[in-house]
Amino acid sequence: MGFLSGLKIPEDPPFPGTLPVNEIYKFFGFDGSVPFDRNRTVTSPYVRPLFLGLIRLLFGLYMLASFIIQFIALASQKHRFLRKQAWKMLGDIMIHSFLGMTAYFLVSAYHTLSYAAKKRNPLASWARPLQLAHLILQTTVLTFPVFCTVIYVYWALPAKPGWHTRTRGQWSTITFYMLNSFFSYAELLLSATRPRPWSHLILVIALLGMYLAFHTILVTATEGRVWIYTVLKFKLVINKGWISAGRVGGLCVLACASFSLMQLLIWFKCRCLGGLAHPRPDIGDMELTKYEEREGTLESQAQTSHI
């Protein structure tokens, strides 16, 4: 027990402002902190919020511009097969992950830069379901990119032996299937996040299952004319029986491994690299003061009405 207790990461000190939350929120790691998440979503133990916000903004803008350029480049091709690849991008789990990261970085950049300017986290004014959704989105951003990179290197890259001989092929492969993991782990290193609740793994597997269901429905609805991954077109002879089950199981194992690797790296950062450094004492004072004033006003009104 002594050895295991030595591996634990210390809890954050008690925060004077918390809101009551139900068991579902607690299960998924939302503790009702005031300010939201103790401002860990908009701070870093290593750089100031301004620099963190600018880094997130740079990542987000690059990813958004990259997707638009790639989509337009494919959609404007004369060859019908290449034009279809542009629309197939919208059904690719790797592009889903890429666009999810894009949205996360752009929204987080706004939150972080706003916090740097006003010392107030915009997330604190969001409804609780949206706050929890943001935490879950951050978990997917830290989990799925490596999952997608491994799949691409194992399945897709061997089918493109000449990808490195063409400039656009080099750029698109590196941007969409390699830089995504770099951006993900840059976020993991720079953000002040603690290890994610293990309950989030349930949601990661659920999202993966939803994609597999989406792909199956897409193939069925088009009578096999449209699909994204041949290895997931289960009606093919080469995918029959245990092969399909093995591939689906392998995807789930890979997702669990990606999540576990993320947890290990965050633990190492927090344990050995000072990643638990809490935001400065002045962070969130404005939000906490407003919350206490609001609560005090409501209490005074209640006492007056009782009298």
C-alpha atoms as a PDB file:
ATOM      1  CA  MET A   1       0.000   0.000   0.000  1.00  0.00           C
ATOM      2  CA  GLY A   2       2.884   2.324   0.767  1.00  0.00           C
ATOM      3  CA  PHE A   3       4.299   1.845  -2.731  1.00  0.00           C
ATOM      4  CA  LEU A   4       0.938   2.485  -4.390  1.00  0.00           C
ATOM      5  CA  SER A   5       0.239   5.525  -2.246  1.00  0.00           C
ATOM      6  CA  GLY A   6       3.594   6.912  -3.311  1.00  0.00           C
ATOM      7  CA  LEU A   7       2.443   6.818  -6.947  1.00  0.00           C
ATOM      8  CA  LYS A   8      -0.674   8.852  -6.277  1.00  0.00           C
ATOM      9  CA  ILE A   9      -0.862  12.440  -7.405  1.00  0.00           C
ATOM     10  CA  PRO A  10      -1.790  14.859  -4.613  1.00  0.00           C
ATOM     11  CA  GLU A  11      -5.280  16.273  -4.781  1.00  0.00           C
ATOM     12  CA  ASP A  12      -5.836  19.960  -5.378  1.00  0.00           C
ATOM     13  CA  PRO A  13      -6.259  21.937  -2.148  1.00  0.00           C
ATOM     14  CA  PRO A  14      -9.878  22.543  -1.106  1.00  0.00           C
ATOM     15  CA  PHE A  15     -11.418  25.384  -3.037  1.00  0.00           C
ATOM     16  CA  PRO A  16     -13.641  27.825  -1.138  1.00  0.00           C
ATOM     17  CA  GLY A  17     -16.192  28.069  -3.931  1.00  0.00           C
ATOM     18  CA  THR A  18     -17.941  24.909  -5.137  1.00  0.00           C
ATOM     19  CA  LEU A  19     -21.375  24.212  -6.508  1.00  0.00           C
ATOM     20  CA  PRO A  20     -23.360  21.057  -5.725  1.00  0.00           C
ATOM     21  CA  VAL A  21     -23.328  18.511  -8.549  1.00  0.00           C
ATOM     22  CA  ASN A  22     -25.137  15.216  -8.979  1.00  0.00           C
ATOM     23  CA  GLU A  23     -23.469  11.812  -9.118  1.00  0.00           C
ATOM     24  CA  ILE A  24     -23.409  11.672 -12.917  1.00  0.00           C
ATOM     25  CA  TYR A  25     -21.277  14.810 -13.118  1.00  0.00           C
ATOM     26  CA  LYS A  26     -18.989  13.529 -10.378  1.00  0.00           C
ATOM     27  CA  PHE A  27     -18.631  10.191 -12.172  1.00  0.00           C
ATOM     28  CA  PHE A  28     -17.282  11.972 -15.230  1.00  0.00           C
ATOM     29  CA  GLY A  29     -14.902  14.156 -13.235  1.00  0.00           C
ATOM     30  CA  PHE A  30     -16.859  17.401 -12.937  1.00  0.00           C
ATOM     31  CA  ASP A  31     -16.610  18.602  -9.331  1.00  0.00           C
ATOM     32  CA  GLY A  32     -18.472  21.914  -9.597  1.00  0.00           C
ATOM     33  CA  SER A  33     -15.407  24.058  -8.902  1.00  0.00           C
ATOM     34  CA  VAL A  34     -15.834  27.817  -8.903  1.00  0.00           C
ATOM     35  CA  PRO A  35     -14.148  29.004 -11.090  1.00  0.00           C
ATOM     36  CA  PHE A  36     -14.749  26.184 -13.557  1.00  0.00           C
ATOM     37  CA  ASP A  37     -12.205  23.361 -13.314  1.00  0.00           C
ATOM     38  CA  ARG A  38     -10.055  25.618 -11.108  1.00  0.00           C
ATOM     39  CA  ASN A  39      -9.089  27.379 -14.343  1.00  0.00           C
ATOM     40  CA  ARG A  40      -6.911  24.457 -15.417  1.00  0.00           C
ATOM     41  CA  THR A  41      -8.507  24.562 -18.869  1.00  0.00           C
ATOM     42  CA  VAL A  42      -7.070  28.024 -19.544  1.00  0.00           C
ATOM     43  CA  THR A  43      -3.750  27.928 -17.699  1.00  0.00           C
ATOM     44  CA  SER A  44      -0.420  26.144 -17.927  1.00  0.00           C
ATOM     45  CA  PRO A  45       2.203  25.261 -15.326  1.00  0.00           C
ATOM     46  CA  TYR A  46       4.944  26.331 -17.745  1.00  0.00           C
ATOM     47  CA  VAL A  47       3.793  29.326 -19.829  1.00  0.00           C
ATOM     48  CA  ARG A  48       1.564  32.331 -19.262  1.00  0.00           C
ATOM     49  CA  PRO A  49      -2.074  32.174 -20.419  1.00  0.00           C
ATOM     50  CA  LEU A  50      -1.319  34.647 -23.237  1.00  0.00           C
ATOM     51  CA  PHE A  51       1.322  32.353 -24.748  1.00  0.00           C
ATOM     52  CA  LEU A  52      -0.845  29.276 -24.230  1.00  0.00           C
ATOM     53  CA  GLY A  53      -3.728  31.020 -25.996  1.00  0.00           C
ATOM     54  CA  LEU A  54      -1.532  32.071 -28.926  1.00  0.00           C
ATOM     55  CA  ILE A  55      -0.165  28.538 -29.318  1.00  0.00           C
ATOM     56  CA  ARG A  56      -3.682  27.097 -29.344  1.00  0.00           C
ATOM     57  CA  LEU A  57      -4.789  29.747 -31.833  1.00  0.00           C
ATOM     58  CA  LEU A  58      -1.854  28.963 -34.131  1.00  0.00           C
ATOM     59  CA  PHE A  59      -2.624  25.245 -34.041  1.00  0.00           C
ATOM     60  CA  GLY A  60      -6.331  25.811 -34.648  1.00  0.00           C
ATOM     61  CA  LEU A  61      -5.886  28.208 -37.566  1.00  0.00           C
ATOM     62  CA  TYR A  62      -3.320  25.964 -39.237  1.00  0.00           C
ATOM     63  CA  MET A  63      -5.592  22.923 -38.932  1.00  0.00           C
ATOM     64  CA  LEU A  64      -8.636  24.809 -40.225  1.00  0.00           C
ATOM     65  CA  ALA A  65      -6.713  26.238 -43.192  1.00  0.00           C
ATOM     66  CA  SER A  66      -5.225  22.808 -43.939  1.00  0.00           C
ATOM     67  CA  PHE A  67      -8.620  21.129 -44.075  1.00  0.00           C
ATOM     68  CA  ILE A  68     -10.106  23.838 -46.316  1.00  0.00           C
ATOM     69  CA  ILE A  69      -7.128  23.713 -48.695  1.00  0.00           C
ATOM     70  CA  GLN A  70      -7.183  19.907 -48.916  1.00  0.00           C
ATOM     71  CA  PHE A  71     -10.942  19.741 -49.420  1.00  0.00           C
ATOM     72  CA  ILE A  72     -10.932  22.407 -52.160  1.00  0.00           C
ATOM     73  CA  ALA A  73      -7.910  20.831 -53.859  1.00  0.00           C
ATOM     74  CA  LEU A  74      -9.700  17.457 -54.083  1.00  0.00           C
ATOM     75  CA  ALA A  75     -13.159  18.831 -54.882  1.00  0.00           C
ATOM     76  CA  SER A  76     -11.782  20.853 -57.827  1.00  0.00           C
ATOM     77  CA  GLN A  77     -10.083  17.883 -59.501  1.00  0.00           C
ATOM     78  CA  LYS A  78     -11.254  16.936 -62.988  1.00  0.00           C
ATOM     79  CA  HIS A  79     -11.146  13.214 -62.277  1.00  0.00           C
ATOM     80  CA  ARG A  80     -14.400  12.005 -60.710  1.00  0.00           C
ATOM     81  CA  PHE A  81     -12.623   9.548 -58.381  1.00  0.00           C
ATOM     82  CA  LEU A  82     -10.510  12.317 -56.866  1.00  0.00           C
ATOM     83  CA  ARG A  83     -13.548  14.586 -56.443  1.00  0.00           C
ATOM     84  CA  LYS A  84     -15.279  11.812 -54.506  1.00  0.00           C
ATOM     85  CA  GLN A  85     -12.310  11.675 -52.124  1.00  0.00           C
ATOM     86  CA  ALA A  86     -13.121  15.208 -50.986  1.00  0.00           C
ATOM     87  CA  TRP A  87     -16.576  14.123 -49.789  1.00  0.00           C
ATOM     88  CA  LYS A  88     -15.184  10.892 -48.366  1.00  0.00           C
ATOM     89  CA  MET A  89     -13.034  13.027 -46.101  1.00  0.00           C
ATOM     90  CA  LEU A  90     -16.208  14.018 -44.256  1.00  0.00           C
ATOM     91  CA  GLY A  91     -16.811  10.376 -43.330  1.00  0.00           C
ATOM     92  CA  ASP A  92     -13.250   9.521 -42.289  1.00  0.00           C
ATOM     93  CA  ILE A  93     -12.743   8.970 -38.547  1.00  0.00           C
ATOM     94  CA  MET A  94      -9.287  10.504 -38.848  1.00  0.00           C
ATOM     95  CA  ILE A  95     -10.746  13.685 -40.325  1.00  0.00           C
ATOM     96  CA  HIS A  96     -13.461  13.653 -37.648  1.00  0.00           C
ATOM     97  CA  SER A  97     -10.680  13.601 -35.056  1.00  0.00           C
ATOM     98  CA  PHE A  98      -8.796  16.326 -36.946  1.00  0.00           C
ATOM     99  CA  LEU A  99     -11.847  18.609 -37.099  1.00  0.00           C
ATOM    100  CA  GLY A 100     -12.621  17.922 -33.438  1.00  0.00           C
ATOM    101  CA  MET A 101      -9.095  19.043 -32.557  1.00  0.00           C
ATOM    102  CA  THR A 102      -9.528  22.116 -34.764  1.00  0.00           C
ATOM    103  CA  ALA A 103     -12.701  23.117 -32.964  1.00  0.00           C
ATOM    104  CA  TYR A 104     -11.109  22.469 -29.569  1.00  0.00           C
ATOM    105  CA  PHE A 105      -8.033  24.580 -30.280  1.00  0.00           C
ATOM    106  CA  LEU A 106     -10.024  27.496 -31.677  1.00  0.00           C
ATOM    107  CA  VAL A 107     -12.542  27.527 -28.815  1.00  0.00           C
ATOM    108  CA  SER A 108      -9.827  27.006 -26.194  1.00  0.00           C
ATOM    109  CA  ALA A 109      -7.745  29.773 -27.746  1.00  0.00           C
ATOM    110  CA  TYR A 110     -10.663  32.160 -27.369  1.00  0.00           C
ATOM    111  CA  HIS A 111     -11.202  31.099 -23.752  1.00  0.00           C
ATOM    112  CA  THR A 112      -7.511  31.359 -22.890  1.00  0.00           C
ATOM    113  CA  LEU A 113      -6.910  34.714 -24.566  1.00  0.00           C
ATOM    114  CA  SER A 114     -10.093  36.090 -22.997  1.00  0.00           C
ATOM    115  CA  TYR A 115      -8.885  34.868 -19.623  1.00  0.00           C
ATOM    116  CA  ALA A 116      -5.454  36.428 -20.194  1.00  0.00           C
ATOM    117  CA  ALA A 117      -7.098  39.779 -20.922  1.00  0.00           C
ATOM    118  CA  LYS A 118      -9.915  39.801 -18.343  1.00  0.00           C
ATOM    119  CA  LYS A 119      -8.786  37.245 -15.719  1.00  0.00           C
ATOM    120  CA  ARG A 120     -12.122  35.536 -16.188  1.00  0.00           C
ATOM    121  CA  ASN A 121     -12.688  32.113 -17.714  1.00  0.00           C
ATOM    122  CA  PRO A 122     -15.608  32.284 -20.204  1.00  0.00           C
ATOM    123  CA  LEU A 123     -16.276  28.598 -19.528  1.00  0.00           C
ATOM    124  CA  ALA A 124     -17.486  29.545 -16.050  1.00  0.00           C
ATOM    125  CA  SER A 125     -20.626  31.088 -17.552  1.00  0.00           C
ATOM    126  CA  TRP A 126     -21.501  28.038 -19.651  1.00  0.00           C
ATOM    127  CA  ALA A 127     -24.256  25.621 -18.695  1.00  0.00           C
ATOM    128  CA  ARG A 128     -23.002  22.572 -16.816  1.00  0.00           C
ATOM    129  CA  PRO A 129     -23.662  20.103 -19.652  1.00  0.00           C
ATOM    130  CA  LEU A 130     -21.518  22.255 -21.954  1.00  0.00           C
ATOM    131  CA  GLN A 131     -18.762  22.501 -19.348  1.00  0.00           C
ATOM    132  CA  LEU A 132     -18.714  18.725 -19.017  1.00  0.00           C
ATOM    133  CA  ALA A 133     -18.782  18.384 -22.818  1.00  0.00           C
ATOM    134  CA  HIS A 134     -15.692  20.594 -23.021  1.00  0.00           C
ATOM    135  CA  LEU A 135     -13.820  18.341 -20.593  1.00  0.00           C
ATOM    136  CA  ILE A 136     -14.826  15.292 -22.632  1.00  0.00           C
ATOM    137  CA  LEU A 137     -13.761  17.017 -25.867  1.00  0.00           C
ATOM    138  CA  GLN A 138     -10.357  17.672 -24.314  1.00  0.00           C
ATOM    139  CA  THR A 139     -10.091  13.973 -23.457  1.00  0.00           C
ATOM    140  CA  THR A 140     -10.792  12.988 -27.074  1.00  0.00           C
ATOM    141  CA  VAL A 141      -8.223  15.517 -28.298  1.00  0.00           C
ATOM    142  CA  LEU A 142      -5.618  13.861 -26.071  1.00  0.00           C
ATOM    143  CA  THR A 143      -6.651  10.305 -27.015  1.00  0.00           C
ATOM    144  CA  PHE A 144      -7.753   9.919 -30.635  1.00  0.00           C
ATOM    145  CA  PRO A 145      -4.853  11.526 -32.595  1.00  0.00           C
ATOM    146  CA  VAL A 146      -2.364   8.790 -31.656  1.00  0.00           C
ATOM    147  CA  PHE A 147      -5.075   6.201 -32.309  1.00  0.00           C
ATOM    148  CA  CYS A 148      -5.572   7.669 -35.800  1.00  0.00           C
ATOM    149  CA  THR A 149      -1.843   7.955 -36.514  1.00  0.00           C
ATOM    150  CA  VAL A 150      -1.252   4.287 -35.675  1.00  0.00           C
ATOM    151  CA  ILE A 151      -4.194   3.188 -37.847  1.00  0.00           C
ATOM    152  CA  TYR A 152      -2.980   5.292 -40.770  1.00  0.00           C
ATOM    153  CA  VAL A 153       0.598   4.048 -40.553  1.00  0.00           C
ATOM    154  CA  TYR A 154      -0.570   0.434 -40.267  1.00  0.00           C
ATOM    155  CA  TRP A 155      -3.447   0.394 -42.796  1.00  0.00           C
ATOM    156  CA  ALA A 156      -3.292   3.313 -45.204  1.00  0.00           C
ATOM    157  CA  LEU A 157       0.344   4.327 -45.567  1.00  0.00           C
ATOM    158  CA  PRO A 158       1.545   0.959 -46.983  1.00  0.00           C
ATOM    159  CA  ALA A 159      -0.983   1.451 -49.821  1.00  0.00           C
ATOM    160  CA  LYS A 160       0.705   4.752 -50.753  1.00  0.00           C
ATOM    161  CA  PRO A 161       4.339   3.807 -51.387  1.00  0.00           C
ATOM    162  CA  GLY A 162       4.993   6.998 -53.354  1.00  0.00           C
ATOM    163  CA  TRP A 163       3.433   9.451 -50.911  1.00  0.00           C
ATOM    164  CA  HIS A 164       6.816  10.998 -50.085  1.00  0.00           C
ATOM    165  CA  THR A 165       7.642  11.712 -53.732  1.00  0.00           C
ATOM    166  CA  ARG A 166       4.855  14.276 -54.215  1.00  0.00           C
ATOM    167  CA  THR A 167       4.886  17.604 -52.404  1.00  0.00           C
ATOM    168  CA  ARG A 168       1.142  17.730 -51.686  1.00  0.00           C
ATOM    169  CA  GLY A 169       1.165  14.083 -50.699  1.00  0.00           C
ATOM    170  CA  GLN A 170       3.956  14.761 -48.208  1.00  0.00           C
ATOM    171  CA  TRP A 171       2.186  17.797 -46.796  1.00  0.00           C
ATOM    172  CA  SER A 172      -1.247  16.182 -46.424  1.00  0.00           C
ATOM    173  CA  THR A 173       0.122  12.968 -44.913  1.00  0.00           C
ATOM    174  CA  ILE A 174       2.272  14.785 -42.370  1.00  0.00           C
ATOM    175  CA  THR A 175      -0.400  17.378 -41.526  1.00  0.00           C
ATOM    176  CA  PHE A 176      -3.458  15.167 -41.156  1.00  0.00           C
ATOM    177  CA  TYR A 177      -1.914  11.962 -39.848  1.00  0.00           C
ATOM    178  CA  MET A 178       1.302  12.903 -38.035  1.00  0.00           C
ATOM    179  CA  LEU A 179       1.149  16.525 -36.905  1.00  0.00           C
ATOM    180  CA  ASN A 180      -2.193  15.740 -35.273  1.00  0.00           C
ATOM    181  CA  SER A 181      -0.367  13.617 -32.683  1.00  0.00           C
ATOM    182  CA  PHE A 182       2.270  16.325 -32.217  1.00  0.00           C
ATOM    183  CA  PHE A 183      -0.433  18.943 -31.571  1.00  0.00           C
ATOM    184  CA  SER A 184      -2.204  16.568 -29.189  1.00  0.00           C
ATOM    185  CA  TYR A 185       0.867  15.936 -27.062  1.00  0.00           C
ATOM    186  CA  ALA A 186       1.852  19.608 -27.153  1.00  0.00           C
ATOM    187  CA  GLU A 187      -1.555  20.304 -25.585  1.00  0.00           C
ATOM    188  CA  LEU A 188      -0.997  17.490 -23.085  1.00  0.00           C
ATOM    189  CA  LEU A 189       2.366  18.959 -22.053  1.00  0.00           C
ATOM    190  CA  LEU A 190       1.427  22.641 -21.932  1.00  0.00           C
ATOM    191  CA  SER A 191      -2.034  22.492 -20.364  1.00  0.00           C
ATOM    192  CA  ALA A 192      -2.571  22.329 -16.613  1.00  0.00           C
ATOM    193  CA  THR A 193      -4.855  19.313 -16.880  1.00  0.00           C
ATOM    194  CA  ARG A 194      -4.705  16.509 -14.343  1.00  0.00           C
ATOM    195  CA  PRO A 195      -5.103  12.838 -15.327  1.00  0.00           C
ATOM    196  CA  ARG A 196      -8.498  12.302 -16.889  1.00  0.00           C
ATOM    197  CA  PRO A 197     -11.211  10.340 -15.059  1.00  0.00           C
ATOM    198  CA  TRP A 198     -11.126   6.690 -16.146  1.00  0.00           C
ATOM    199  CA  SER A 199     -14.852   6.980 -16.734  1.00  0.00           C
ATOM    200  CA  HIS A 200     -13.988   8.974 -19.866  1.00  0.00           C
ATOM    201  CA  LEU A 201     -12.682   5.747 -21.393  1.00  0.00           C
ATOM    202  CA  ILE A 202     -16.303   4.583 -21.567  1.00  0.00           C
ATOM    203  CA  LEU A 203     -17.119   7.598 -23.724  1.00  0.00           C
ATOM    204  CA  VAL A 204     -14.061   7.048 -25.923  1.00  0.00           C
ATOM    205  CA  ILE A 205     -15.174   3.483 -26.660  1.00  0.00           C
ATOM    206  CA  ALA A 206     -18.764   4.670 -27.156  1.00  0.00           C
ATOM    207  CA  LEU A 207     -17.639   7.251 -29.738  1.00  0.00           C
ATOM    208  CA  LEU A 208     -15.616   4.597 -31.543  1.00  0.00           C
ATOM    209  CA  GLY A 209     -18.657   2.304 -31.543  1.00  0.00           C
ATOM    210  CA  MET A 210     -20.792   5.113 -32.963  1.00  0.00           C
ATOM    211  CA  TYR A 211     -18.329   5.553 -35.821  1.00  0.00           C
ATOM    212  CA  LEU A 212     -18.357   1.837 -36.610  1.00  0.00           C
ATOM    213  CA  ALA A 213     -22.167   1.963 -36.616  1.00  0.00           C
ATOM    214  CA  PHE A 214     -22.086   5.022 -38.886  1.00  0.00           C
ATOM    215  CA  HIS A 215     -19.759   3.252 -41.339  1.00  0.00           C
ATOM    216  CA  THR A 216     -21.955   0.156 -41.378  1.00  0.00           C
ATOM    217  CA  ILE A 217     -25.099   2.237 -41.999  1.00  0.00           C
ATOM    218  CA  LEU A 218     -23.301   4.157 -44.776  1.00  0.00           C
ATOM    219  CA  VAL A 219     -22.343   0.932 -46.566  1.00  0.00           C
ATOM    220  CA  THR A 220     -25.811  -0.575 -46.129  1.00  0.00           C
ATOM    221  CA  ALA A 221     -27.714   2.552 -47.177  1.00  0.00           C
ATOM    222  CA  THR A 222     -25.698   2.866 -50.401  1.00  0.00           C
ATOM    223  CA  GLU A 223     -25.888  -0.897 -51.093  1.00  0.00           C
ATOM    224  CA  GLY A 224     -22.138  -1.167 -50.846  1.00  0.00           C
ATOM    225  CA  ARG A 225     -21.352   1.587 -53.352  1.00  0.00           C
ATOM    226  CA  VAL A 226     -19.859   3.976 -50.789  1.00  0.00           C
ATOM    227  CA  TRP A 227     -17.502   3.115 -47.960  1.00  0.00           C
ATOM    228  CA  ILE A 228     -14.543   4.718 -46.213  1.00  0.00           C
ATOM    229  CA  TYR A 229     -12.443   1.746 -45.158  1.00  0.00           C
ATOM    230  CA  THR A 230     -12.380  -1.523 -47.088  1.00  0.00           C
ATOM    231  CA  VAL A 231     -11.381  -3.388 -43.929  1.00  0.00           C
ATOM    232  CA  LEU A 232     -14.651  -2.215 -42.326  1.00  0.00           C
ATOM    233  CA  LYS A 233     -16.835  -3.317 -45.247  1.00  0.00           C
ATOM    234  CA  PHE A 234     -17.886  -6.428 -43.391  1.00  0.00           C
ATOM    235  CA  LYS A 235     -19.830  -8.047 -46.270  1.00  0.00           C
ATOM    236  CA  LEU A 236     -16.661  -8.654 -48.263  1.00  0.00           C
ATOM    237  CA  VAL A 237     -15.382 -12.215 -48.234  1.00  0.00           C
ATOM    238  CA  ILE A 238     -12.008 -11.094 -46.884  1.00  0.00           C
ATOM    239  CA  ASN A 239     -13.763  -9.539 -43.864  1.00  0.00           C
ATOM    240  CA  LYS A 240     -16.140 -12.355 -42.982  1.00  0.00           C
ATOM    241  CA  GLY A 241     -16.460 -14.066 -39.616  1.00  0.00           C
ATOM    242  CA  TRP A 242     -13.819 -13.760 -36.958  1.00  0.00           C
ATOM    243  CA  ILE A 243     -11.745 -11.360 -39.062  1.00  0.00           C
ATOM    244  CA  SER A 244     -14.301  -8.576 -38.652  1.00  0.00           C
ATOM    245  CA  ALA A 245     -14.703  -9.291 -34.946  1.00  0.00           C
ATOM    246  CA  GLY A 246     -10.926  -9.322 -34.524  1.00  0.00           C
ATOM    247  CA  ARG A 247     -10.553  -5.971 -36.247  1.00  0.00           C
ATOM    248  CA  VAL A 248     -13.289  -4.350 -34.177  1.00  0.00           C
ATOM    249  CA  GLY A 249     -11.753  -5.792 -31.014  1.00  0.00           C
ATOM    250  CA  GLY A 250      -8.331  -4.572 -32.117  1.00  0.00           C
ATOM    251  CA  LEU A 251      -9.670  -1.045 -32.603  1.00  0.00           C
ATOM    252  CA  CYS A 252     -11.106  -1.090 -29.068  1.00  0.00           C
ATOM    253  CA  VAL A 253      -7.800  -2.342 -27.655  1.00  0.00           C
ATOM    254  CA  LEU A 254      -5.925   0.386 -29.537  1.00  0.00           C
ATOM    255  CA  ALA A 255      -8.312   3.036 -28.201  1.00  0.00           C
ATOM    256  CA  CYS A 256      -7.756   1.750 -24.647  1.00  0.00           C
ATOM    257  CA  ALA A 257      -3.985   1.761 -25.207  1.00  0.00           C
ATOM    258  CA  SER A 258      -4.089   5.356 -26.512  1.00  0.00           C
ATOM    259  CA  PHE A 259      -6.124   6.454 -23.501  1.00  0.00           C
ATOM    260  CA  SER A 260      -3.786   4.645 -21.096  1.00  0.00           C
ATOM    261  CA  LEU A 261      -0.710   6.176 -22.721  1.00  0.00           C
ATOM    262  CA  MET A 262      -2.271   9.611 -22.318  1.00  0.00           C
ATOM    263  CA  GLN A 263      -2.938   8.894 -18.634  1.00  0.00           C
ATOM    264  CA  LEU A 264       0.642   7.717 -18.112  1.00  0.00           C
ATOM    265  CA  LEU A 265       2.140  10.797 -19.741  1.00  0.00           C
ATOM    266  CA  ILE A 266      -0.075  13.178 -17.774  1.00  0.00           C
ATOM    267  CA  TRP A 267       0.806  11.311 -14.562  1.00  0.00           C
ATOM    268  CA  PHE A 268       4.518  11.594 -15.397  1.00  0.00           C
ATOM    269  CA  LYS A 269       4.154  15.308 -16.149  1.00  0.00           C
ATOM    270  CA  CYS A 270       2.293  15.941 -12.901  1.00  0.00           C
ATOM    271  CA  ARG A 271       4.576  13.716 -10.814  1.00  0.00           C
ATOM    272  CA  CYS A 272       8.003  14.521 -12.239  1.00  0.00           C
ATOM    273  CA  LEU A 273       7.791  17.731 -14.287  1.00  0.00           C
ATOM    274  CA  GLY A 274       5.908  20.074 -11.995  1.00  0.00           C
ATOM    275  CA  GLY A 275       2.695  19.689 -13.945  1.00  0.00           C
ATOM    276  CA  LEU A 276       0.602  20.094 -10.790  1.00  0.00           C
ATOM    277  CA  ALA A 277       1.676  23.692 -10.339  1.00  0.00           C
ATOM    278  CA  HIS A 278      -1.606  25.388  -9.579  1.00  0.00           C
ATOM    279  CA  PRO A 279      -2.542  28.709 -11.137  1.00  0.00           C
ATOM    280  CA  ARG A 280      -1.402  31.742  -9.190  1.00  0.00           C
ATOM    281  CA  PRO A 281      -3.535  32.761  -6.176  1.00  0.00           C
ATOM    282  CA  ASP A 282      -5.019  35.733  -8.006  1.00  0.00           C
ATOM    283  CA  ILE A 283      -6.447  33.516 -10.731  1.00  0.00           C
ATOM    284  CA  GLY A 284     -10.193  33.294 -10.479  1.00  0.00           C
ATOM    285  CA  ASP A 285     -10.498  35.804  -7.618  1.00  0.00           C
ATOM    286  CA  MET A 286     -12.843  37.925  -9.712  1.00  0.00           C
ATOM    287  CA  GLU A 287     -15.103  34.961 -10.446  1.00  0.00           C
ATOM    288  CA  LEU A 288     -15.059  33.761  -6.846  1.00  0.00           C
ATOM    289  CA  THR A 289     -15.813  37.229  -5.522  1.00  0.00           C
ATOM    290  CA  LYS A 290     -18.761  37.618  -7.893  1.00  0.00           C
ATOM    291  CA  TYR A 291     -20.044  34.201  -6.880  1.00  0.00           C
ATOM    292  CA  GLU A 292     -19.781  34.992  -3.159  1.00  0.00           C
ATOM    293  CA  GLU A 293     -21.444  38.386  -3.657  1.00  0.00           C
ATOM    294  CA  ARG A 294     -24.295  36.779  -5.592  1.00  0.00           C
ATOM    295  CA  GLU A 295     -24.767  34.107  -2.937  1.00  0.00           C
ATOM    296  CA  GLY A 296     -24.651  36.739  -0.189  1.00  0.00           C
ATOM    297  CA  THR A 297     -27.273  38.854  -1.974  1.00  0.00           C
ATOM    298  CA  LEU A 298     -29.582  35.875  -2.416  1.00  0.00           C
ATOM    299  CA  GLU A 299     -29.167  34.924   1.244  1.00  0.00           C
ATOM    300  CA  SER A 300     -29.953  38.464   2.373  1.00  0.00           C
ATOM    301  CA  GLN A 301     -33.056  38.555   0.191  1.00  0.00           C
ATOM    302  CA  ALA A 302     -34.201  35.223   1.594  1.00  0.00           C
ATOM    303  CA  GLN A 303     -33.773  36.462   5.180  1.00  0.00           C
ATOM    304  CA  THR A 304     -35.624  39.680   4.398  1.00  0.00           C
ATOM    305  CA  SER A 305     -38.542  37.868   2.814  1.00  0.00           C
ATOM    306  CA  HIS A 306     -38.674  35.484   5.799  1.00  0.00           C
ATOM    307  CA  ILE A 307     -38.871  38.384   8.188  1.00  0.00           C
END
